[in-house]
Structure formats: C-alpha cells, structure tokens
Amino acid sequence: MAAELSAFNVDMAAFGRLSSDLPMTVVFGDRDGVIDYRWHSAWIQRSHDQALFKTLRGVGHMPHHVRAEVCVELLEQLVDTVSIVESKRTLVA
C-alpha cells in the first residue's frame, strides 16, 4: 500500500504541471470510500478551472466499472472537445 500511495503522490505532483487549458473531464462516485471527491475536485479546480466534473450518485471508487456507459459517453465528449480545440489551433497556426 505504501508503494501505491507513493506512486499516487508522484502522479498528483505531475498533474499540477499540466497545461491549465488542457480539456479535462474528471469522474467521481459520491460513495467513494477511498478518496474524498469534494477535496479532490477543489484541488483540481485550483489549477484547471475549465475542467468538467461529473459526480455519479450511489457509486463508489471505481465509476468506470460501475457506470461504464456514462464514462464512455464522457470520454467520447472529451475526444470531440479535444478534436475541436486541435482544429482551432491548426487553423491559427
């Protein structure tokens, strides 16, 4: 468990260095017993104020398993968003 927590902390430190304009969707379950989704949402919001947050009611720590259909839909929307952003950047360049 200590190794997993250490790896998580490294990942979270790198997360803070991501571009603030990077399209981002974050999915939490409101019954998560591992992390406090409210704290994590606030933490992410501080450096990525354009992030989209989706909190699934009645879902725990693994929303991508419990509500896979919702997560697939959100991922498809994110891909569409990234495609639009990249198209605009190409037109400007």
C-alpha atoms as a PDB file:
ATOM      1  CA  MET A   1       0.000   0.000   0.000  1.00  0.00           C
ATOM      2  CA  ALA A   2       2.849   2.411   0.786  1.00  0.00           C
ATOM      3  CA  ALA A   3       4.287   1.938  -2.714  1.00  0.00           C
ATOM      4  CA  GLU A   4       0.889   2.655  -4.256  1.00  0.00           C
ATOM      5  CA  LEU A   5       0.492   5.816  -2.191  1.00  0.00           C
ATOM      6  CA  SER A   6       3.984   6.954  -3.145  1.00  0.00           C
ATOM      7  CA  ALA A   7       3.240   6.391  -6.848  1.00  0.00           C
ATOM      8  CA  PHE A   8      -0.057   8.259  -6.473  1.00  0.00           C
ATOM      9  CA  ASN A   9       1.727  11.244  -4.914  1.00  0.00           C
ATOM     10  CA  VAL A  10       4.201  11.336  -7.828  1.00  0.00           C
ATOM     11  CA  ASP A  11       1.297  11.233 -10.302  1.00  0.00           C
ATOM     12  CA  MET A  12      -0.536  14.015  -8.500  1.00  0.00           C
ATOM     13  CA  ALA A  13       2.591  16.210  -8.464  1.00  0.00           C
ATOM     14  CA  ALA A  14       2.877  15.774 -12.240  1.00  0.00           C
ATOM     15  CA  PHE A  15      -0.824  16.570 -12.624  1.00  0.00           C
ATOM     16  CA  GLY A  16      -0.233  20.062 -11.296  1.00  0.00           C
ATOM     17  CA  ARG A  17       2.183  20.741 -14.163  1.00  0.00           C
ATOM     18  CA  LEU A  18      -0.382  20.035 -16.886  1.00  0.00           C
ATOM     19  CA  SER A  19      -1.424  22.976 -19.016  1.00  0.00           C
ATOM     20  CA  SER A  20      -4.365  24.785 -17.450  1.00  0.00           C
ATOM     21  CA  ASP A  21      -6.140  24.907 -20.828  1.00  0.00           C
ATOM     22  CA  LEU A  22      -5.972  21.133 -21.324  1.00  0.00           C
ATOM     23  CA  PRO A  23      -9.521  19.801 -21.827  1.00  0.00           C
ATOM     24  CA  MET A  24     -10.246  17.592 -18.839  1.00  0.00           C
ATOM     25  CA  THR A  25     -13.140  15.533 -17.524  1.00  0.00           C
ATOM     26  CA  VAL A  26     -12.978  14.087 -14.019  1.00  0.00           C
ATOM     27  CA  VAL A  27     -15.427  11.428 -12.822  1.00  0.00           C
ATOM     28  CA  PHE A  28     -16.050  10.622  -9.165  1.00  0.00           C
ATOM     29  CA  GLY A  29     -18.503   8.472  -7.272  1.00  0.00           C
ATOM     30  CA  ASP A  30     -20.235  10.170  -4.354  1.00  0.00           C
ATOM     31  CA  ARG A  31     -19.908   6.988  -2.267  1.00  0.00           C
ATOM     32  CA  ASP A  32     -16.143   6.720  -2.708  1.00  0.00           C
ATOM     33  CA  GLY A  33     -14.657   5.269   0.472  1.00  0.00           C
ATOM     34  CA  VAL A  34     -11.052   5.696  -0.692  1.00  0.00           C
ATOM     35  CA  ILE A  35     -10.829   9.390  -1.534  1.00  0.00           C
ATOM     36  CA  ASP A  36     -12.877  12.458  -0.700  1.00  0.00           C
ATOM     37  CA  TYR A  37     -14.154  13.519  -4.113  1.00  0.00           C
ATOM     38  CA  ARG A  38     -15.018  17.014  -2.818  1.00  0.00           C
ATOM     39  CA  TRP A  39     -11.425  17.653  -1.717  1.00  0.00           C
ATOM     40  CA  HIS A  40     -10.000  16.280  -4.964  1.00  0.00           C
ATOM     41  CA  SER A  41     -12.447  18.313  -7.062  1.00  0.00           C
ATOM     42  CA  ALA A  42     -11.445  21.505  -5.264  1.00  0.00           C
ATOM     43  CA  TRP A  43      -7.753  20.657  -5.635  1.00  0.00           C
ATOM     44  CA  ILE A  44      -8.087  20.026  -9.376  1.00  0.00           C
ATOM     45  CA  GLN A  45     -10.246  23.135  -9.842  1.00  0.00           C
ATOM     46  CA  ARG A  46      -7.491  25.358  -8.442  1.00  0.00           C
ATOM     47  CA  SER A  47      -5.151  24.580 -11.350  1.00  0.00           C
ATOM     48  CA  HIS A  48      -7.670  23.556 -14.026  1.00  0.00           C
ATOM     49  CA  ASP A  49     -10.646  25.859 -13.732  1.00  0.00           C
ATOM     50  CA  GLN A  50     -12.131  24.692 -17.041  1.00  0.00           C
ATOM     51  CA  ALA A  51     -12.252  21.020 -16.002  1.00  0.00           C
ATOM     52  CA  LEU A  52     -15.611  19.288 -16.260  1.00  0.00           C
ATOM     53  CA  PHE A  53     -16.590  17.332 -13.143  1.00  0.00           C
ATOM     54  CA  LYS A  54     -19.141  14.547 -13.067  1.00  0.00           C
ATOM     55  CA  THR A  55     -20.074  13.005  -9.725  1.00  0.00           C
ATOM     56  CA  LEU A  56     -22.122   9.837 -10.023  1.00  0.00           C
ATOM     57  CA  ARG A  57     -24.657   9.273  -7.263  1.00  0.00           C
ATOM     58  CA  GLY A  58     -24.584   5.954  -5.459  1.00  0.00           C
ATOM     59  CA  VAL A  59     -21.240   4.998  -6.995  1.00  0.00           C
ATOM     60  CA  GLY A  60     -18.011   4.207  -5.143  1.00  0.00           C
ATOM     61  CA  HIS A  61     -14.327   4.394  -6.034  1.00  0.00           C
ATOM     62  CA  MET A  62     -14.490   2.805  -9.489  1.00  0.00           C
ATOM     63  CA  PRO A  63     -17.139   4.643 -11.504  1.00  0.00           C
ATOM     64  CA  HIS A  64     -15.579   3.491 -14.775  1.00  0.00           C
ATOM     65  CA  HIS A  65     -16.516  -0.090 -13.808  1.00  0.00           C
ATOM     66  CA  VAL A  66     -19.879   0.549 -12.159  1.00  0.00           C
ATOM     67  CA  ARG A  67     -21.182   3.082 -14.694  1.00  0.00           C
ATOM     68  CA  ALA A  68     -19.044   2.272 -17.719  1.00  0.00           C
ATOM     69  CA  GLU A  69     -21.676   3.595 -20.144  1.00  0.00           C
ATOM     70  CA  VAL A  70     -21.548   7.061 -18.551  1.00  0.00           C
ATOM     71  CA  CYS A  71     -17.758   7.077 -18.574  1.00  0.00           C
ATOM     72  CA  VAL A  72     -17.633   6.029 -22.237  1.00  0.00           C
ATOM     73  CA  GLU A  73     -20.053   8.833 -23.118  1.00  0.00           C
ATOM     74  CA  LEU A  74     -17.950  11.370 -21.206  1.00  0.00           C
ATOM     75  CA  LEU A  75     -14.786  10.089 -22.871  1.00  0.00           C
ATOM     76  CA  GLU A  76     -16.386  10.446 -26.304  1.00  0.00           C
ATOM     77  CA  GLN A  77     -17.389  14.021 -25.452  1.00  0.00           C
ATOM     78  CA  LEU A  78     -13.843  14.761 -24.294  1.00  0.00           C
ATOM     79  CA  VAL A  79     -12.384  13.387 -27.538  1.00  0.00           C
ATOM     80  CA  ASP A  80     -14.770  15.596 -29.504  1.00  0.00           C
ATOM     81  CA  THR A  81     -13.708  18.606 -27.414  1.00  0.00           C
ATOM     82  CA  VAL A  82     -10.011  17.878 -27.973  1.00  0.00           C
ATOM     83  CA  SER A  83     -10.618  17.471 -31.710  1.00  0.00           C
ATOM     84  CA  ILE A  84     -12.311  20.878 -31.879  1.00  0.00           C
ATOM     85  CA  VAL A  85      -9.531  22.530 -29.852  1.00  0.00           C
ATOM     86  CA  GLU A  86      -6.849  20.977 -32.064  1.00  0.00           C
ATOM     87  CA  SER A  87      -8.698  22.049 -35.231  1.00  0.00           C
ATOM     88  CA  LYS A  88      -8.773  25.646 -33.991  1.00  0.00           C
ATOM     89  CA  ARG A  89      -5.058  25.531 -33.175  1.00  0.00           C
ATOM     90  CA  THR A  90      -4.287  24.203 -36.660  1.00  0.00           C
ATOM     91  CA  LEU A  91      -6.306  26.987 -38.278  1.00  0.00           C
ATOM     92  CA  VAL A  92      -4.444  29.625 -36.280  1.00  0.00           C
ATOM     93  CA  ALA A  93      -1.002  28.171 -36.930  1.00  0.00           C
END
